[in-house]
Amino acid sequence: MSKIVYINRDAEIAAILPKSYRTRWTATRKAVVVEAIERGVLRVEEAMERYRLSLAELRSWTSEWGGQQPRERRAGRS
C-alpha cells in the first residue's frame, strides 16, 4: 500500500528562505523569496529589512520570477 504524503508548501518555503542578506543571490534564492512574499509567508517590509533590499530590487525579482513554478525558475542569470 502506498503512502500519500502531504507537503505544506508554506512551511517548506519558510524553511528554505535564506537566513540573512549575506548570501549569493542565485535565481533560485530570489525566486524563493518572491514565492514567500506571494504566499504571505514573508511580508515585503520584512524581506526588505532582512535581506537589505530596495523596493525596486524586489519588484524586479517579482517581475522576473513571480508566479512561476519551481521548474520554470531556472534562469540564465542570477
C-alpha atoms as a PDB file:
ATOM      1  CA  MET A   1       0.000   0.000   0.000  1.00  0.00           C
ATOM      2  CA  SER A   2       1.452   3.369  -0.963  1.00  0.00           C
ATOM      3  CA  LYS A   3       1.517   6.329   1.367  1.00  0.00           C
ATOM      4  CA  ILE A   4       0.284   9.755   0.416  1.00  0.00           C
ATOM      5  CA  VAL A   5       2.495  12.476   1.791  1.00  0.00           C
ATOM      6  CA  TYR A   6       1.070  15.961   2.038  1.00  0.00           C
ATOM      7  CA  ILE A   7       3.617  18.738   1.966  1.00  0.00           C
ATOM      8  CA  ASN A   8       2.849  22.094   3.496  1.00  0.00           C
ATOM      9  CA  ARG A   9       4.418  24.367   0.862  1.00  0.00           C
ATOM     10  CA  ASP A  10       4.324  27.419   3.141  1.00  0.00           C
ATOM     11  CA  ALA A  11       6.360  25.592   5.788  1.00  0.00           C
ATOM     12  CA  GLU A  12       8.732  24.304   3.117  1.00  0.00           C
ATOM     13  CA  ILE A  13       9.261  27.834   1.758  1.00  0.00           C
ATOM     14  CA  ALA A  14       9.827  29.225   5.259  1.00  0.00           C
ATOM     15  CA  ALA A  15      12.427  26.530   5.923  1.00  0.00           C
ATOM     16  CA  ILE A  16      14.444  27.247   2.774  1.00  0.00           C
ATOM     17  CA  LEU A  17      14.412  31.032   2.931  1.00  0.00           C
ATOM     18  CA  PRO A  18      17.949  32.440   3.098  1.00  0.00           C
ATOM     19  CA  LYS A  19      18.862  33.176   6.713  1.00  0.00           C
ATOM     20  CA  SER A  20      20.454  36.567   6.077  1.00  0.00           C
ATOM     21  CA  TYR A  21      21.413  39.094   3.448  1.00  0.00           C
ATOM     22  CA  ARG A  22      24.915  37.614   3.337  1.00  0.00           C
ATOM     23  CA  THR A  23      24.162  35.114   0.625  1.00  0.00           C
ATOM     24  CA  ARG A  24      24.929  34.693  -3.028  1.00  0.00           C
ATOM     25  CA  TRP A  25      21.685  35.674  -4.721  1.00  0.00           C
ATOM     26  CA  THR A  26      21.080  32.904  -7.224  1.00  0.00           C
ATOM     27  CA  ALA A  27      17.951  32.829  -9.354  1.00  0.00           C
ATOM     28  CA  THR A  28      16.568  30.059  -7.142  1.00  0.00           C
ATOM     29  CA  ARG A  29      17.066  32.027  -3.923  1.00  0.00           C
ATOM     30  CA  LYS A  30      15.452  35.115  -5.428  1.00  0.00           C
ATOM     31  CA  ALA A  31      12.516  33.003  -6.605  1.00  0.00           C
ATOM     32  CA  VAL A  32      12.088  31.505  -3.116  1.00  0.00           C
ATOM     33  CA  VAL A  33      11.886  34.994  -1.594  1.00  0.00           C
ATOM     34  CA  VAL A  34       9.342  36.037  -4.242  1.00  0.00           C
ATOM     35  CA  GLU A  35       7.242  32.920  -3.613  1.00  0.00           C
ATOM     36  CA  ALA A  36       7.367  33.507   0.144  1.00  0.00           C
ATOM     37  CA  ILE A  37       6.053  37.040  -0.375  1.00  0.00           C
ATOM     38  CA  GLU A  38       3.344  35.882  -2.804  1.00  0.00           C
ATOM     39  CA  ARG A  39       2.165  33.182  -0.358  1.00  0.00           C
ATOM     40  CA  GLY A  40       2.143  35.555   2.615  1.00  0.00           C
ATOM     41  CA  VAL A  41       4.923  33.681   4.417  1.00  0.00           C
ATOM     42  CA  LEU A  42       7.105  36.811   4.310  1.00  0.00           C
ATOM     43  CA  ARG A  43       5.974  40.445   4.182  1.00  0.00           C
ATOM     44  CA  VAL A  44       7.591  42.841   1.710  1.00  0.00           C
ATOM     45  CA  GLU A  45       8.816  45.062   4.545  1.00  0.00           C
ATOM     46  CA  GLU A  46      10.283  42.070   6.352  1.00  0.00           C
ATOM     47  CA  ALA A  47      12.081  40.895   3.193  1.00  0.00           C
ATOM     48  CA  MET A  48      13.485  44.373   2.599  1.00  0.00           C
ATOM     49  CA  GLU A  49      14.808  44.582   6.152  1.00  0.00           C
ATOM     50  CA  ARG A  50      16.076  41.005   6.474  1.00  0.00           C
ATOM     51  CA  TYR A  51      17.851  40.968   3.106  1.00  0.00           C
ATOM     52  CA  ARG A  52      18.665  44.687   2.848  1.00  0.00           C
ATOM     53  CA  LEU A  53      16.801  45.069  -0.427  1.00  0.00           C
ATOM     54  CA  SER A  54      15.212  48.101  -2.002  1.00  0.00           C
ATOM     55  CA  LEU A  55      11.600  48.025  -3.138  1.00  0.00           C
ATOM     56  CA  ALA A  56      12.805  48.448  -6.729  1.00  0.00           C
ATOM     57  CA  GLU A  57      15.029  45.378  -6.405  1.00  0.00           C
ATOM     58  CA  LEU A  58      12.179  43.273  -5.009  1.00  0.00           C
ATOM     59  CA  ARG A  59       9.906  44.455  -7.805  1.00  0.00           C
ATOM     60  CA  SER A  60      12.476  43.407 -10.405  1.00  0.00           C
ATOM     61  CA  TRP A  61      12.680  39.952  -8.816  1.00  0.00           C
ATOM     62  CA  THR A  62       8.882  39.709  -8.788  1.00  0.00           C
ATOM     63  CA  SER A  63       8.587  40.684 -12.437  1.00  0.00           C
ATOM     64  CA  GLU A  64      11.220  38.116 -13.367  1.00  0.00           C
ATOM     65  CA  TRP A  65      10.163  35.167 -11.155  1.00  0.00           C
ATOM     66  CA  GLY A  66       6.699  35.929  -9.801  1.00  0.00           C
ATOM     67  CA  GLY A  67       4.008  33.312 -10.328  1.00  0.00           C
ATOM     68  CA  GLN A  68       6.357  30.695 -11.780  1.00  0.00           C
ATOM     69  CA  GLN A  69       6.557  27.052 -10.868  1.00  0.00           C
ATOM     70  CA  PRO A  70       9.876  25.842  -9.403  1.00  0.00           C
ATOM     71  CA  ARG A  71      10.960  24.067 -12.604  1.00  0.00           C
ATOM     72  CA  GLU A  72      10.420  27.289 -14.572  1.00  0.00           C
ATOM     73  CA  ARG A  73      12.738  29.237 -12.288  1.00  0.00           C
ATOM     74  CA  ARG A  74      15.952  28.224 -13.927  1.00  0.00           C
ATOM     75  CA  ALA A  75      17.333  31.456 -15.228  1.00  0.00           C
ATOM     76  CA  GLY A  76      20.426  32.229 -17.225  1.00  0.00           C
ATOM     77  CA  ARG A  77      21.430  34.960 -14.817  1.00  0.00           C
ATOM     78  CA  SER A  78      21.135  35.465 -11.097  1.00  0.00           C
END
